Amino acid sequence: MLSENSRIVPFGRDYCIYLRKSRSDLEAEAHGQGDTLLRHRTKLLSLAKAMHLNIGRIYEEGVKSGETITSRPVMQELLHDVEAGQWAGVLVMEVERLARGDTIDQGLVSRAFQFSGTRIITPVKTYDPQSEFDQEYFEFGLFMSRREYKTINRRQQLGRLASVNEGKWPSNRAPYGYDRIKLEGQKGWTLRPNENAQVVADIFRWYTEGQPTPSGSLRRLGASRIVTLLNKAGIPSPGGRDWTPNSVKDILRNPAYAGWVRWGNRPQVKVLRDGAVVKTRPRTKEDSETMKLCRGLHEPVISQETFDKAAALLKSNPSRPGPKQLGIKSPLAGLVTCGCCGRKMVRRPYRNGHKDGLICPYPSCPTMGSDLDTVEAAILQALRSWLADFEQTPPDDTTAAEAAEQASLERSISVLQREMEQISQQEQRAYDLVEQGVYSIDLFTSRCQELSRRRLDLEQRIQSVTSAMTTLEQQIQAKSLIAPAVRHVLDSYTLAETPEEKNTLLHSVLKDVIYTKTTGGRYKASDMTITIHPRLPF
């Protein structure tokens, strides 16, 4: 008699496998138990073979994924396919691998499998979504999984806090100027200064004491001047790009450089936005109850006196962001991109009645700024030229070419659909041959997997051709949709009363604008060029 795991499941849609590595699996791998995903994949493939299941796809998700479904893209894709009825069942090591989130996530998983009639097959039990008993058993398994996750997470947090109390480094990343090294003969990590430690010491020295001048005195540098100095020297920032004032201030605020270990300064907070749980890490005040400072085991780069002096200077000169209620002040806000460094250009207001400028905000970038109204006029002229060229295209020639392309795509879809029907017939033939004993189990499984791969390839090709058909249909209608919209923007622009209205008009027809300028000034001709990218449906 066949056992539950070896019984033959009625043939229908394909089955898939879902693999996910947990943090406990990482600990097991560290103790020499081998690759978890490889072991689970081998076991579930053997189970599928024993149950005569045709595996159409294997979903794999790493341990870096979060606890909620919103932070697990592979799980989201699996649920989407399950809801679409693509799979007859999902093979998984245990139901706990599907969801460890809150009751909302558990409900999403439970409903997706229940309403689609998709089975959940584990090495221990097969869950039938139409069975009330199996449904309750499945939901109970998810509930216990959540409890287990909370227990493991609480134990890990307590372990990290204990490491902080012992002066060990709790984070997986070392701060700029340090390397993270394993402690000898004990658990945990600490820090060791590297070649960038002198850069950190220089930043603190320039900010608190100053840089020598030709006269022999010291001139204290602010964050912006330090940024200019570092970028001119070609020293890469912690992120590998140019330095910014914020990256310098982050170093000046970090007590690790004075020999401390900080914990809880940016605790993870969950908030609900648009119906989804989003994780954020807001900054906390220095006297916050969530933040903990302990003397670290690592060597400090600067003295405590220097760090305290830098903190006092930062506190006496805080950032002053502009009031949000003033709204958009530039009609080009968020639209113009620097052609050299790829960053967004910003408006720079001037005093004494001088016109507002448009500049790249990073001093190390060689792009030169221009008057904002000059760039604005150039963009409008480029948009007029683009519209004139767009409307000059002979409609008859374009329509004939597009009609020929449309007929070609339709023929391609017909051919692919016939190939899909042939694969369905070949699958049915494989079922008949295995029942007659002509195919062995190994040959049958191999044949089904090959047919599944071919069917998946055909589905992707059909989707690609269908997408090309949609794009072509949008392209055919482009003149009737785009030209009037651009003409409306050009006609309405001078009538707009505020920069925000003008900005909305430009964003409605432009994806972005590339600005380049390396020469220009009072006695030099400008080489400013403007490249617009219209917001086209193709």
Protein backbone atom coordinates (compact mmCIF):
# COMPACT_ATOMS: atom_id res chain seq x y z
CA MET A 1 0.00 0.00 0.00
CA LEU A 2 1.27 3.49 -0.82
CA SER A 3 2.11 5.81 2.05
CA GLU A 4 0.77 9.37 2.11
CA ASN A 5 4.01 10.78 0.71
CA SER A 6 4.30 8.22 -2.10
CA ARG A 7 0.71 8.19 -3.31
CA ILE A 8 0.11 9.38 -6.86
CA VAL A 9 -1.52 12.81 -6.94
CA PRO A 10 -3.97 13.30 -9.84
CA PHE A 11 -2.33 15.02 -12.79
CA GLY A 12 -3.36 18.59 -13.47
CA ARG A 13 -1.44 21.82 -13.36
CA ASP A 14 2.25 21.75 -12.56
CA TYR A 15 3.67 21.90 -9.05
CA CYS A 16 6.40 24.18 -7.76
CA ILE A 17 8.93 24.21 -4.92
CA TYR A 18 9.49 27.08 -2.48
CA LEU A 19 12.79 27.26 -0.61
CA ARG A 20 13.71 29.82 2.04
CA LYS A 21 16.75 29.96 4.28
CA SER A 22 16.19 31.11 7.86
CA ARG A 23 18.69 32.61 10.28
CA SER A 24 18.75 29.38 12.26
CA ASP A 25 19.86 27.64 9.05
CA LEU A 26 22.86 29.99 8.91
CA GLU A 27 23.87 28.88 12.40
CA ALA A 28 23.52 25.24 11.35
CA GLU A 29 25.66 25.86 8.26
CA ALA A 30 28.31 27.50 10.45
CA HIS A 31 28.50 24.22 12.39
CA GLY A 32 29.17 22.24 9.23
CA GLN A 33 25.71 21.00 8.26
CA GLY A 34 26.10 22.03 4.60
CA ASP A 35 24.12 24.26 2.28
CA THR A 36 20.54 24.39 3.57
CA LEU A 37 18.90 25.25 0.26
CA LEU A 38 20.75 22.44 -1.50
CA ARG A 39 19.65 19.89 1.10
CA HIS A 40 16.04 21.08 1.02
CA ARG A 41 15.96 21.19 -2.79
CA THR A 42 17.27 17.61 -3.02
CA LYS A 43 14.74 16.33 -0.47
CA LEU A 44 11.75 18.05 -2.07
CA LEU A 45 12.74 16.91 -5.56
CA SER A 46 12.90 13.35 -4.24
CA LEU A 47 9.46 13.83 -2.69
CA ALA A 48 8.08 15.15 -5.99
CA LYS A 49 9.54 12.17 -7.80
CA ALA A 50 8.00 9.74 -5.31
CA MET A 51 4.60 11.42 -5.67
CA HIS A 52 4.87 11.66 -9.48
CA LEU A 53 4.60 15.45 -9.49
CA ASN A 54 5.68 17.59 -12.41
CA ILE A 55 7.82 20.46 -11.07
CA GLY A 56 7.42 23.59 -13.16
CA ARG A 57 9.51 26.01 -11.13
CA ILE A 58 11.65 26.37 -8.00
CA TYR A 59 11.35 29.62 -6.00
CA GLU A 60 14.38 30.41 -3.81
CA GLU A 61 14.56 33.20 -1.23
CA GLY A 62 17.60 34.06 0.85
CA VAL A 63 17.91 34.86 4.52
CA LYS A 64 18.30 38.59 3.81
CA SER A 65 14.56 38.84 3.23
CA GLY A 66 12.55 40.38 6.07
CA GLU A 67 9.89 38.88 8.26
CA THR A 68 6.95 40.45 6.40
CA ILE A 69 5.70 39.54 2.94
CA THR A 70 6.25 43.12 1.73
CA SER A 71 10.01 42.66 2.18
CA ARG A 72 10.11 39.21 0.53
CA PRO A 73 9.88 39.70 -3.25
CA VAL A 74 10.09 36.00 -4.11
CA MET A 75 7.23 35.21 -1.71
CA GLN A 76 5.18 37.98 -3.29
CA GLU A 77 5.78 36.45 -6.71
CA LEU A 78 4.80 33.00 -5.44
CA LEU A 79 1.55 34.31 -3.93
CA HIS A 80 0.75 36.15 -7.17
CA ASP A 81 1.20 32.92 -9.15
CA VAL A 82 -0.81 30.93 -6.59
CA GLU A 83 -3.69 33.42 -6.72
CA ALA A 84 -3.63 33.18 -10.52
CA GLY A 85 -4.13 29.42 -10.25
CA GLN A 86 -0.81 28.63 -11.92
CA TRP A 87 0.13 25.77 -9.58
CA ALA A 88 -1.73 22.69 -8.43
CA GLY A 89 0.43 22.62 -5.32
CA VAL A 90 3.53 24.02 -3.62
CA LEU A 91 6.20 21.80 -2.08
CA VAL A 92 7.86 23.27 1.00
CA MET A 93 9.88 21.80 3.86
CA GLU A 94 7.36 23.02 6.44
CA VAL A 95 4.49 25.48 6.40
CA GLU A 96 6.47 27.77 8.70
CA ARG A 97 8.70 28.63 5.73
CA LEU A 98 5.75 30.36 4.02
CA ALA A 99 4.98 33.07 6.59
CA ARG A 100 6.33 34.24 9.90
CA GLY A 101 4.70 37.65 9.78
CA ASP A 102 1.76 38.97 11.73
CA THR A 103 -1.85 37.83 11.44
CA ILE A 104 -2.36 39.95 8.30
CA ASP A 105 0.47 38.18 6.48
CA GLN A 106 -0.76 34.81 7.69
CA GLY A 107 -4.24 35.65 6.43
CA LEU A 108 -2.88 36.62 3.00
CA VAL A 109 -1.07 33.30 2.67
CA SER A 110 -4.02 31.27 3.93
CA ARG A 111 -6.53 32.97 1.62
CA ALA A 112 -4.28 32.71 -1.43
CA PHE A 113 -4.03 28.94 -1.09
CA GLN A 114 -7.64 28.44 -0.01
CA PHE A 115 -9.35 30.43 -2.78
CA SER A 116 -7.10 29.07 -5.53
CA GLY A 117 -7.38 25.46 -4.33
CA THR A 118 -3.59 25.11 -4.25
CA ARG A 119 -2.19 22.26 -2.17
CA ILE A 120 0.69 22.60 0.28
CA ILE A 121 2.88 19.50 0.28
CA THR A 122 5.50 18.91 2.97
CA PRO A 123 7.56 15.78 3.69
CA VAL A 124 5.28 15.20 6.72
CA LYS A 125 1.81 16.12 5.48
CA THR A 126 -0.16 17.27 2.44
CA TYR A 127 -2.56 20.13 3.19
CA ASP A 128 -5.78 20.25 1.19
CA PRO A 129 -7.14 23.84 1.19
CA GLN A 130 -10.68 22.53 0.72
CA SER A 131 -10.47 20.49 3.92
CA GLU A 132 -11.63 22.40 6.98
CA PHE A 133 -9.41 20.30 9.24
CA ASP A 134 -6.32 20.86 7.08
CA GLN A 135 -7.09 24.59 6.91
CA GLU A 136 -7.21 24.88 10.70
CA TYR A 137 -4.06 22.79 11.01
CA PHE A 138 -2.30 25.05 8.48
CA GLU A 139 -3.36 28.26 10.25
CA PHE A 140 -2.24 26.84 13.58
CA GLY A 141 1.16 26.03 12.06
CA LEU A 142 1.52 29.64 10.89
CA PHE A 143 0.56 30.90 14.35
CA MET A 144 3.17 28.71 16.05
CA SER A 145 5.73 29.82 13.46
CA ARG A 146 5.10 33.44 14.44
CA ARG A 147 5.61 32.64 18.12
CA GLU A 148 8.84 30.81 17.32
CA TYR A 149 10.07 33.78 15.28
CA LYS A 150 9.39 36.20 18.12
CA THR A 151 11.23 33.95 20.56
CA ILE A 152 14.27 33.65 18.28
CA ASN A 153 14.29 37.39 17.56
CA ARG A 154 14.07 38.24 21.28
CA ARG A 155 16.96 35.89 22.03
CA GLN A 156 19.08 37.46 19.27
CA GLN A 157 18.38 40.99 20.51
CA LEU A 158 19.34 40.02 24.06
CA GLY A 159 22.54 38.47 22.72
CA ARG A 160 23.43 41.66 20.85
CA LEU A 161 22.71 43.77 23.91
CA ALA A 162 24.97 41.52 25.99
CA SER A 163 27.72 41.99 23.40
CA VAL A 164 27.30 45.77 23.62
CA ASN A 165 27.64 45.63 27.42
CA GLU A 166 30.90 43.72 26.94
CA GLY A 167 32.22 46.37 24.53
CA LYS A 168 31.95 44.16 21.42
CA TRP A 169 30.85 45.54 18.06
CA PRO A 170 27.21 44.47 17.43
CA SER A 171 26.75 45.51 13.78
CA ASN A 172 27.62 43.55 10.65
CA ARG A 173 29.21 46.68 9.16
CA ALA A 174 32.24 48.53 10.46
CA PRO A 175 32.24 52.35 10.48
CA TYR A 176 34.44 54.20 8.00
CA GLY A 177 38.07 53.99 9.11
CA TYR A 178 37.71 50.61 10.82
CA ASP A 179 37.76 46.93 9.88
CA ARG A 180 35.51 44.43 11.65
CA ILE A 181 37.59 41.54 13.08
CA LYS A 182 36.71 38.37 14.97
CA LEU A 183 37.74 38.21 18.61
CA GLU A 184 40.20 35.44 19.33
CA GLY A 185 39.12 32.70 21.69
CA GLN A 186 35.61 34.05 22.25
CA LYS A 187 32.40 34.92 20.50
CA GLY A 188 31.86 38.35 19.04
CA TRP A 189 33.60 41.00 16.98
CA THR A 190 35.54 44.18 17.52
CA LEU A 191 37.05 46.94 15.37
CA ARG A 192 40.56 47.67 14.15
CA PRO A 193 41.63 50.99 12.56
CA ASN A 194 42.58 50.80 8.87
CA GLU A 195 44.20 53.17 6.38
CA ASN A 196 41.13 55.47 6.40
CA ALA A 197 41.43 56.13 10.13
CA GLN A 198 43.75 59.08 9.41
CA VAL A 199 41.06 60.61 7.17
CA VAL A 200 38.65 60.45 10.11
CA ALA A 201 41.22 62.06 12.41
CA ASP A 202 41.78 64.83 9.83
CA ILE A 203 38.04 65.50 9.58
CA PHE A 204 37.79 65.97 13.34
CA ARG A 205 40.95 68.12 13.39
CA TRP A 206 39.77 70.40 10.57
CA TYR A 207 36.33 70.76 12.15
CA THR A 208 37.43 71.39 15.74
CA GLU A 209 40.84 73.08 15.37
CA GLY A 210 41.23 74.12 11.74
CA GLN A 211 43.62 73.97 8.82
CA PRO A 212 46.92 75.90 8.79
CA THR A 213 46.93 79.05 6.64
CA PRO A 214 49.94 80.71 4.92
CA SER A 215 50.07 83.23 7.77
CA GLY A 216 50.59 80.42 10.27
CA SER A 217 47.19 80.68 11.92
CA LEU A 218 44.45 78.03 11.93
CA ARG A 219 41.16 78.43 10.03
CA ARG A 220 38.40 76.16 11.22
CA LEU A 221 36.55 74.42 8.38
CA GLY A 222 32.84 73.68 8.19
CA ALA A 223 31.36 70.51 6.74
CA SER A 224 31.03 71.98 3.23
CA ARG A 225 34.66 73.11 3.11
CA ILE A 226 35.80 69.71 4.38
CA VAL A 227 33.77 68.11 1.57
CA THR A 228 35.55 70.28 -1.01
CA LEU A 229 38.95 69.43 0.48
CA LEU A 230 38.31 65.66 0.48
CA ASN A 231 36.85 65.56 -3.01
CA LYS A 232 39.72 67.59 -4.48
CA ALA A 233 42.16 65.14 -2.87
CA GLY A 234 40.32 62.25 -4.57
CA ILE A 235 39.55 60.47 -1.30
CA PRO A 236 36.48 58.22 -1.73
CA SER A 237 33.62 58.60 0.72
CA PRO A 238 32.27 55.71 2.85
CA GLY A 239 29.85 54.96 0.00
CA GLY A 240 32.61 55.04 -2.62
CA ARG A 241 31.35 58.25 -4.27
CA ASP A 242 31.89 61.95 -3.61
CA TRP A 243 31.70 63.28 -0.09
CA THR A 244 28.64 65.26 0.99
CA PRO A 245 28.07 67.46 4.06
CA ASN A 246 25.83 64.78 5.55
CA SER A 247 28.48 62.07 5.23
CA VAL A 248 30.99 64.32 7.05
CA LYS A 249 28.48 65.12 9.81
CA ASP A 250 27.65 61.43 10.26
CA ILE A 251 31.33 60.81 11.04
CA LEU A 252 31.46 63.74 13.45
CA ARG A 253 28.40 62.37 15.30
CA ASN A 254 29.64 58.78 15.61
CA PRO A 255 30.98 58.03 19.11
CA ALA A 256 32.70 54.86 17.86
CA TYR A 257 35.68 57.03 16.87
CA ALA A 258 36.11 58.02 20.52
CA GLY A 259 36.12 54.35 21.61
CA TRP A 260 32.40 53.85 22.35
CA VAL A 261 29.87 51.27 21.20
CA ARG A 262 26.46 52.77 20.51
CA TRP A 263 23.25 50.76 20.53
CA GLY A 264 19.66 51.79 19.84
CA ASN A 265 20.39 55.22 18.37
CA ARG A 266 18.23 54.39 15.34
CA PRO A 267 15.83 51.64 16.43
CA GLN A 268 13.69 50.04 13.78
CA VAL A 269 10.13 51.35 13.86
CA LYS A 270 7.20 49.87 11.92
CA VAL A 271 4.61 52.25 10.51
CA LEU A 272 1.54 51.70 8.35
CA ARG A 273 1.64 53.52 5.00
CA ASP A 274 -0.99 52.94 2.31
CA GLY A 275 -2.04 49.73 4.00
CA ALA A 276 1.47 48.24 4.04
CA VAL A 277 3.90 47.85 6.94
CA VAL A 278 7.04 49.92 6.32
CA LYS A 279 10.19 49.77 8.45
CA THR A 280 11.99 53.03 9.19
CA ARG A 281 14.95 54.05 11.34
CA PRO A 282 14.37 57.61 12.60
CA ARG A 283 17.17 59.31 14.47
CA THR A 284 16.79 59.60 18.23
CA LYS A 285 18.08 62.23 20.59
CA GLU A 286 21.28 61.66 22.54
CA ASP A 287 19.39 61.39 25.82
CA SER A 288 16.84 58.91 24.42
CA GLU A 289 16.03 55.91 26.62
CA THR A 290 16.46 53.57 23.63
CA MET A 291 20.11 54.55 23.09
CA LYS A 292 22.89 52.88 25.04
CA LEU A 293 26.60 53.81 25.13
CA CYS A 294 29.24 51.40 26.40
CA ARG A 295 33.01 51.62 26.38
CA GLY A 296 34.20 49.51 23.45
CA LEU A 297 37.05 47.06 23.20
CA HIS A 298 38.39 48.77 20.07
CA GLU A 299 41.06 51.45 19.84
CA PRO A 300 39.73 55.02 19.51
CA VAL A 301 40.81 57.20 16.58
CA ILE A 302 40.32 60.52 18.41
CA SER A 303 40.25 61.66 22.03
CA GLN A 304 37.07 62.10 24.02
CA GLU A 305 37.83 65.80 24.31
CA THR A 306 37.95 66.20 20.51
CA PHE A 307 34.67 64.30 20.08
CA ASP A 308 32.92 66.42 22.73
CA LYS A 309 34.18 69.61 21.09
CA ALA A 310 32.87 68.47 17.67
CA ALA A 311 29.49 67.59 19.21
CA ALA A 312 29.24 71.04 20.81
CA LEU A 313 30.05 72.77 17.51
CA LEU A 314 27.47 70.67 15.65
CA LYS A 315 24.85 71.51 18.25
CA SER A 316 25.59 75.22 18.00
CA ASN A 317 25.21 75.20 14.21
CA PRO A 318 22.26 72.91 13.37
CA SER A 319 20.85 72.42 9.89
CA ARG A 320 17.99 74.74 9.07
CA PRO A 321 15.76 73.18 6.42
CA GLY A 322 13.38 75.49 4.61
CA PRO A 323 9.75 75.54 5.68
CA LYS A 324 7.67 73.02 3.73
CA GLN A 325 4.63 75.28 3.60
CA LEU A 326 6.39 77.57 1.11
CA GLY A 327 5.89 74.96 -1.62
CA ILE A 328 7.84 74.57 -4.85
CA LYS A 329 9.94 77.62 -5.72
CA SER A 330 11.40 76.39 -9.01
CA PRO A 331 9.44 75.38 -12.12
CA LEU A 332 12.26 72.92 -12.88
CA ALA A 333 12.23 71.17 -9.47
CA GLY A 334 13.10 67.48 -9.76
CA LEU A 335 13.27 67.65 -13.54
CA VAL A 336 16.82 68.63 -14.60
CA THR A 337 19.68 66.13 -14.18
CA CYS A 338 23.36 67.00 -14.28
CA GLY A 339 24.93 65.46 -17.39
CA CYS A 340 28.26 64.97 -15.61
CA CYS A 341 27.49 63.36 -12.24
CA GLY A 342 23.86 62.31 -12.74
CA ARG A 343 22.51 64.21 -9.73
CA LYS A 344 19.50 66.49 -9.76
CA MET A 345 20.15 70.19 -10.35
CA VAL A 346 18.79 72.58 -7.73
CA ARG A 347 17.69 76.19 -7.61
CA ARG A 348 20.10 78.63 -5.98
CA PRO A 349 18.60 81.96 -4.89
CA TYR A 350 20.82 85.03 -4.78
CA ARG A 351 20.58 88.34 -2.93
CA ASN A 352 20.88 91.90 -4.26
CA GLY A 353 18.26 91.29 -6.93
CA HIS A 354 20.33 88.77 -8.93
CA LYS A 355 18.41 86.14 -10.86
CA ASP A 356 17.97 82.66 -9.38
CA GLY A 357 20.47 80.14 -10.67
CA LEU A 358 20.34 76.42 -11.47
CA ILE A 359 23.40 74.56 -10.19
CA CYS A 360 24.71 71.09 -9.45
CA PRO A 361 24.79 70.97 -5.62
CA TYR A 362 28.12 69.09 -5.40
CA PRO A 363 31.25 71.29 -5.47
CA SER A 364 33.42 68.52 -6.95
CA CYS A 365 31.26 68.32 -10.09
CA PRO A 366 32.72 70.34 -13.03
CA THR A 367 29.25 71.28 -14.33
CA MET A 368 28.74 75.05 -14.32
CA GLY A 369 25.43 76.62 -13.39
CA SER A 370 23.22 78.99 -15.37
CA ASP A 371 20.42 81.43 -14.74
CA LEU A 372 17.29 79.44 -14.02
CA ASP A 373 15.17 81.38 -16.52
CA THR A 374 17.79 80.73 -19.23
CA VAL A 375 17.53 76.96 -18.69
CA GLU A 376 13.74 77.23 -18.51
CA ALA A 377 13.59 79.01 -21.88
CA ALA A 378 15.96 76.47 -23.44
CA ILE A 379 13.75 73.59 -22.26
CA LEU A 380 10.61 75.18 -23.72
CA GLN A 381 12.41 75.80 -27.04
CA ALA A 382 13.64 72.18 -27.12
CA LEU A 383 10.08 71.02 -26.48
CA ARG A 384 8.77 73.18 -29.36
CA SER A 385 11.43 71.77 -31.70
CA TRP A 386 10.64 68.21 -30.68
CA LEU A 387 6.91 68.76 -31.30
CA ALA A 388 7.58 70.23 -34.74
CA ASP A 389 9.75 67.24 -35.73
CA PHE A 390 7.21 64.80 -34.29
CA GLU A 391 4.33 66.27 -36.29
CA GLN A 392 6.32 66.33 -39.55
CA THR A 393 6.50 62.52 -39.78
CA PRO A 394 4.37 61.40 -42.75
CA PRO A 395 1.36 59.62 -41.22
CA ASP A 396 0.75 57.31 -44.18
CA ASP A 397 4.27 55.85 -44.19
CA THR A 398 4.29 55.35 -40.45
CA THR A 399 0.87 53.68 -40.47
CA ALA A 400 1.89 51.26 -43.23
CA ALA A 401 5.08 50.23 -41.42
CA GLU A 402 3.26 49.79 -38.14
CA ALA A 403 0.50 47.74 -39.78
CA ALA A 404 3.10 45.38 -41.24
CA GLU A 405 4.78 45.02 -37.85
CA GLN A 406 1.43 44.36 -36.18
CA ALA A 407 0.62 41.57 -38.66
CA SER A 408 4.05 40.02 -38.04
CA LEU A 409 3.51 40.00 -34.27
CA GLU A 410 0.06 38.43 -34.68
CA ARG A 411 1.58 35.62 -36.77
CA SER A 412 4.23 35.07 -34.11
CA ILE A 413 1.58 34.72 -31.42
CA SER A 414 -0.33 32.17 -33.51
CA VAL A 415 2.82 30.08 -34.03
CA LEU A 416 3.68 30.17 -30.31
CA GLN A 417 0.16 29.16 -29.34
CA ARG A 418 0.31 26.15 -31.68
CA GLU A 419 3.60 25.13 -30.07
CA MET A 420 1.92 25.44 -26.65
CA GLU A 421 -0.84 23.06 -27.79
CA GLN A 422 1.78 20.57 -28.97
CA ILE A 423 3.48 20.63 -25.56
CA SER A 424 0.13 19.91 -23.87
CA GLN A 425 -0.32 16.91 -26.17
CA GLN A 426 3.23 15.71 -25.42
CA GLU A 427 2.57 15.97 -21.68
CA GLN A 428 -0.58 13.87 -22.02
CA ARG A 429 1.40 11.37 -24.07
CA ALA A 430 4.04 11.16 -21.30
CA TYR A 431 1.29 10.41 -18.77
CA ASP A 432 -0.01 7.59 -20.98
CA LEU A 433 3.46 6.10 -21.45
CA VAL A 434 4.26 6.07 -17.74
CA GLU A 435 0.93 4.39 -17.02
CA GLN A 436 1.71 1.75 -19.66
CA GLY A 437 5.16 1.17 -18.16
CA VAL A 438 7.03 2.39 -21.24
CA TYR A 439 8.54 5.31 -19.32
CA SER A 440 10.45 4.75 -16.12
CA ILE A 441 9.88 7.16 -13.23
CA ASP A 442 13.26 8.79 -13.85
CA LEU A 443 12.57 9.20 -17.56
CA PHE A 444 9.06 10.48 -16.88
CA THR A 445 10.29 13.07 -14.36
CA SER A 446 13.05 14.20 -16.71
CA ARG A 447 10.59 14.42 -19.60
CA CYS A 448 8.08 16.44 -17.55
CA GLN A 449 10.74 18.84 -16.39
CA GLU A 450 11.92 19.38 -19.97
CA LEU A 451 8.35 20.03 -21.13
CA SER A 452 7.82 22.44 -18.23
CA ARG A 453 10.95 24.36 -19.18
CA ARG A 454 9.78 24.55 -22.78
CA ARG A 455 6.30 25.66 -21.73
CA LEU A 456 7.75 28.34 -19.41
CA ASP A 457 9.96 29.58 -22.26
CA LEU A 458 6.94 29.73 -24.58
CA GLU A 459 4.89 31.61 -21.97
CA GLN A 460 7.68 34.16 -21.62
CA ARG A 461 7.94 34.53 -25.40
CA ILE A 462 4.17 34.94 -25.73
CA GLN A 463 4.23 37.53 -22.97
CA SER A 464 7.08 39.36 -24.71
CA VAL A 465 5.28 39.39 -28.08
CA THR A 466 2.03 40.45 -26.41
CA SER A 467 3.87 43.28 -24.68
CA ALA A 468 5.35 44.33 -28.03
CA MET A 469 1.82 44.33 -29.48
CA THR A 470 0.63 46.61 -26.67
CA THR A 471 3.58 48.93 -27.18
CA LEU A 472 2.91 49.07 -30.90
CA GLU A 473 -0.75 49.90 -30.35
CA GLN A 474 0.29 52.74 -28.04
CA GLN A 475 2.80 53.91 -30.63
CA ILE A 476 0.09 54.00 -33.30
CA GLN A 477 -1.95 56.30 -31.08
CA ALA A 478 1.05 58.39 -30.04
CA LYS A 479 0.36 61.35 -32.34
CA SER A 480 -3.23 61.68 -31.22
CA LEU A 481 -2.22 61.38 -27.53
CA ILE A 482 1.16 63.08 -27.21
CA ALA A 483 1.09 66.00 -29.63
CA PRO A 484 -2.04 67.65 -28.14
CA ALA A 485 -0.64 67.18 -24.62
CA VAL A 486 2.67 68.87 -25.48
CA ARG A 487 0.85 71.64 -27.35
CA HIS A 488 -1.39 72.19 -24.32
CA VAL A 489 1.66 72.55 -22.05
CA LEU A 490 3.31 75.07 -24.37
CA ASP A 491 0.09 77.10 -24.66
CA SER A 492 -0.68 77.00 -20.94
CA TYR A 493 2.84 77.55 -19.60
CA THR A 494 2.83 81.34 -19.88
CA LEU A 495 -0.61 81.45 -18.24
CA ALA A 496 0.52 79.48 -15.16
CA GLU A 497 0.70 81.73 -12.13
CA THR A 498 3.01 79.80 -9.78
CA PRO A 499 6.26 77.79 -10.16
CA GLU A 500 4.39 74.75 -8.83
CA GLU A 501 1.82 74.93 -11.67
CA LYS A 502 4.61 75.27 -14.25
CA ASN A 503 6.46 72.35 -12.67
CA THR A 504 3.34 70.17 -12.88
CA LEU A 505 2.90 71.04 -16.57
CA LEU A 506 6.50 70.15 -17.46
CA HIS A 507 6.42 66.89 -15.50
CA SER A 508 3.26 65.85 -17.37
CA VAL A 509 5.13 65.64 -20.70
CA LEU A 510 8.80 65.24 -19.70
CA LYS A 511 10.49 62.34 -17.91
CA ASP A 512 13.65 64.33 -17.32
CA VAL A 513 16.05 66.86 -18.85
CA ILE A 514 19.83 66.39 -19.15
CA TYR A 515 21.84 69.59 -18.59
CA THR A 516 25.51 69.93 -19.56
CA LYS A 517 27.76 72.99 -19.36
CA THR A 518 31.51 73.17 -18.78
CA THR A 519 32.33 76.68 -20.04
CA GLY A 520 30.59 80.02 -20.00
CA GLY A 521 30.64 83.29 -18.16
CA ARG A 522 30.93 87.02 -18.59
CA TYR A 523 33.72 86.80 -21.19
CA LYS A 524 33.24 83.24 -22.50
CA ALA A 525 30.54 81.81 -24.72
CA SER A 526 28.38 79.20 -23.01
CA ASP A 527 28.42 75.59 -24.26
CA MET A 528 25.18 74.75 -22.43
CA THR A 529 23.21 71.92 -24.02
CA ILE A 530 19.75 70.69 -23.10
CA THR A 531 18.50 67.18 -23.93
CA ILE A 532 14.84 66.47 -23.22
CA HIS A 533 13.26 63.04 -22.75
CA PRO A 534 9.51 63.30 -23.46
CA ARG A 535 7.13 61.10 -21.52
CA LEU A 536 6.11 58.81 -24.39
CA PRO A 537 3.88 55.70 -24.14
CA PHE A 538 6.40 53.66 -26.17
